[in-house]
C-alpha atoms as a PDB file:
ATOM      1  CA  MET A   1       0.000   0.000   0.000  1.00  0.00           C
ATOM      2  CA  CYS A   2       1.260   3.469  -0.907  1.00  0.00           C
ATOM      3  CA  CYS A   3       1.439   6.233   1.695  1.00  0.00           C
ATOM      4  CA  GLY A   4       0.771   9.159  -0.659  1.00  0.00           C
ATOM      5  CA  ASP A   5       1.170   9.860  -4.335  1.00  0.00           C
ATOM      6  CA  LEU A   6       4.372  11.845  -3.895  1.00  0.00           C
ATOM      7  CA  LEU A   7       6.064   9.188  -1.779  1.00  0.00           C
ATOM      8  CA  CYS A   8       5.500   6.190  -4.053  1.00  0.00           C
ATOM      9  CA  GLY A   9       8.576   4.566  -5.545  1.00  0.00           C
ATOM     10  CA  SER A  10       6.776   3.334  -8.657  1.00  0.00           C
ATOM     11  CA  GLN A  11       7.208   4.795 -12.132  1.00  0.00           C
ATOM     12  CA  GLU A  12       3.819   6.551 -11.965  1.00  0.00           C
ATOM     13  CA  GLY A  13       4.754   8.049  -8.624  1.00  0.00           C
ATOM     14  CA  GLY A  14       7.970   9.427 -10.080  1.00  0.00           C
ATOM     15  CA  GLU A  15       6.119  11.045 -12.962  1.00  0.00           C
ATOM     16  CA  GLN A  16       3.564  12.516 -10.580  1.00  0.00           C
ATOM     17  CA  ARG A  17       6.375  13.845  -8.428  1.00  0.00           C
ATOM     18  CA  VAL A  18       7.976  15.552 -11.432  1.00  0.00           C
ATOM     19  CA  ASP A  19       4.623  17.017 -12.480  1.00  0.00           C
ATOM     20  CA  ARG A  20       3.959  18.254  -8.956  1.00  0.00           C
ATOM     21  CA  MET A  21       7.442  19.806  -8.704  1.00  0.00           C
ATOM     22  CA  THR A  22       6.882  21.578 -12.022  1.00  0.00           C
ATOM     23  CA  GLU A  23       3.550  22.940 -10.764  1.00  0.00           C
ATOM     24  CA  VAL A  24       5.130  24.102  -7.506  1.00  0.00           C
ATOM     25  CA  GLN A  25       8.004  25.815  -9.345  1.00  0.00           C
ATOM     26  CA  GLU A  26       5.586  27.594 -11.700  1.00  0.00           C
ATOM     27  CA  ARG A  27       3.478  28.695  -8.731  1.00  0.00           C
ATOM     28  CA  ARG A  28       6.598  29.967  -6.956  1.00  0.00           C
ATOM     29  CA  CYS A  29       7.598  31.946 -10.042  1.00  0.00           C
ATOM     30  CA  SER A  30       4.146  33.532 -10.357  1.00  0.00           C
ATOM     31  CA  LEU A  31       4.100  34.395  -6.646  1.00  0.00           C
ATOM     32  CA  GLN A  32       7.578  35.948  -6.894  1.00  0.00           C
ATOM     33  CA  THR A  33       6.409  38.082  -9.828  1.00  0.00           C
ATOM     34  CA  LEU A  34       3.329  39.186  -7.892  1.00  0.00           C
ATOM     35  CA  LEU A  35       5.473  40.010  -4.851  1.00  0.00           C
ATOM     36  CA  ASN A  36       7.827  42.131  -6.965  1.00  0.00           C
ATOM     37  CA  THR A  37       4.841  43.979  -8.428  1.00  0.00           C
ATOM     38  CA  ARG A  38       3.380  44.669  -4.988  1.00  0.00           C
ATOM     39  CA  LEU A  39       6.746  45.821  -3.624  1.00  0.00           C
ATOM     40  CA  ALA A  40       7.121  48.254  -6.514  1.00  0.00           C
ATOM     41  CA  GLU A  41       3.625  49.582  -5.802  1.00  0.00           C
ATOM     42  CA  LEU A  42       4.396  49.917  -2.070  1.00  0.00           C
ATOM     43  CA  ARG A  43       7.631  51.704  -2.895  1.00  0.00           C
ATOM     44  CA  ARG A  44       5.778  54.187  -5.141  1.00  0.00           C
ATOM     45  CA  VAL A  45       3.129  54.883  -2.482  1.00  0.00           C
ATOM     46  CA  CYS A  46       5.777  55.315   0.218  1.00  0.00           C
ATOM     47  CA  LEU A  47       7.643  57.829  -1.948  1.00  0.00           C
ATOM     48  CA  GLN A  48       4.418  59.780  -2.467  1.00  0.00           C
ATOM     49  CA  GLU A  49       3.851  59.780   1.296  1.00  0.00           C
ATOM     50  CA  ALA A  50       7.433  60.931   1.839  1.00  0.00           C
ATOM     51  CA  GLU A  51       6.895  63.838  -0.552  1.00  0.00           C
ATOM     52  CA  LEU A  52       3.844  64.897   1.455  1.00  0.00           C
ATOM     53  CA  THR A  53       5.292  64.467   4.928  1.00  0.00           C
ATOM     54  CA  GLY A  54       8.986  65.044   4.300  1.00  0.00           C
ATOM     55  CA  GLU A  55       9.876  61.711   5.945  1.00  0.00           C
ATOM     56  CA  VAL A  56      10.312  58.270   4.443  1.00  0.00           C
ATOM     57  CA  PRO A  57       7.948  55.791   6.174  1.00  0.00           C
ATOM     58  CA  GLY A  58       9.476  53.034   8.287  1.00  0.00           C
ATOM     59  CA  ASP A  59       7.967  50.281   6.150  1.00  0.00           C
ATOM     60  CA  PHE A  60       9.659  51.522   2.962  1.00  0.00           C
ATOM     61  CA  PRO A  61      10.889  48.405   1.071  1.00  0.00           C
ATOM     62  CA  LEU A  62      14.653  48.438   0.568  1.00  0.00           C
ATOM     63  CA  GLU A  63      16.818  46.126  -1.509  1.00  0.00           C
ATOM     64  CA  THR A  64      19.813  44.510   0.183  1.00  0.00           C
ATOM     65  CA  GLY A  65      22.485  47.169   0.724  1.00  0.00           C
ATOM     66  CA  GLU A  66      20.214  50.006  -0.434  1.00  0.00           C
ATOM     67  CA  ARG A  67      20.026  53.224   1.576  1.00  0.00           C
ATOM     68  CA  ARG A  68      16.819  55.021   2.437  1.00  0.00           C
ATOM     69  CA  PRO A  69      16.127  57.768  -0.109  1.00  0.00           C
ATOM     70  CA  TYR A  70      16.268  61.419   0.824  1.00  0.00           C
ATOM     71  CA  VAL A  71      13.015  63.119  -0.101  1.00  0.00           C
ATOM     72  CA  ARG A  72      12.237  66.818   0.123  1.00  0.00           C
ATOM     73  CA  ARG A  73       8.795  67.928   1.138  1.00  0.00           C
ATOM     74  CA  ARG A  74       6.974  69.373  -1.876  1.00  0.00           C
ATOM     75  CA  VAL A  75       3.551  70.615  -0.902  1.00  0.00           C
ATOM     76  CA  ARG A  76       4.201  72.773   2.139  1.00  0.00           C
ATOM     77  CA  SER A  77       2.788  76.002   0.705  1.00  0.00           C
ATOM     78  CA  TYR A  78      -0.222  74.175  -0.735  1.00  0.00           C
ATOM     79  CA  ARG A  79      -1.184  72.758   2.639  1.00  0.00           C
ATOM     80  CA  HIS A  80      -1.087  76.201   4.239  1.00  0.00           C
ATOM     81  CA  GLY A  81      -3.148  77.622   1.399  1.00  0.00           C
ATOM     82  CA  LEU A  82      -5.701  74.867   1.813  1.00  0.00           C
ATOM     83  CA  LYS A  83      -6.067  75.609   5.540  1.00  0.00           C
ATOM     84  CA  ALA A  84      -6.628  79.287   4.767  1.00  0.00           C
ATOM     85  CA  ILE A  85      -9.358  78.404   2.263  1.00  0.00           C
ATOM     86  CA  ILE A  86     -11.084  76.140   4.765  1.00  0.00           C
ATOM     87  CA  ARG A  87     -10.946  78.833   7.482  1.00  0.00           C
ATOM     88  CA  THR A  88     -12.465  81.383   5.091  1.00  0.00           C
ATOM     89  CA  GLU A  89     -15.280  79.003   4.176  1.00  0.00           C
ATOM     90  CA  VAL A  90     -15.988  78.240   7.850  1.00  0.00           C
ATOM     91  CA  LYS A  91     -16.096  81.963   8.667  1.00  0.00           C
ATOM     92  CA  GLY A  92     -18.485  82.491   5.765  1.00  0.00           C
ATOM     93  CA  LEU A  93     -20.769  79.744   7.091  1.00  0.00           C
ATOM     94  CA  ASN A  94     -20.739  81.169  10.627  1.00  0.00           C
ATOM     95  CA  THR A  95     -21.680  84.670   9.460  1.00  0.00           C
ATOM     96  CA  SER A  96     -24.503  83.395   7.253  1.00  0.00           C
ATOM     97  CA  LEU A  97     -26.130  81.519  10.154  1.00  0.00           C
END
């Protein structure tokens, strides 16, 4: 009696083992590709966050031996302008009530 398809010593078991290994290797390759895609997406989002905050997030994905990037804050004046617009709108609402 056989204790599992992958453990059989017969010819059919050997062929099944090879087929299973091929499937596992293909699955590993597809998962590695998906992981690389997701890491690239995370890296892009982290850089966008760094441009907004001026600091690189702690979960920024780095390659082996890679240094954290230096990012300058870009939207400082825009954020202050946005706050001024919101304050003006709130004042306008309070006076109309």
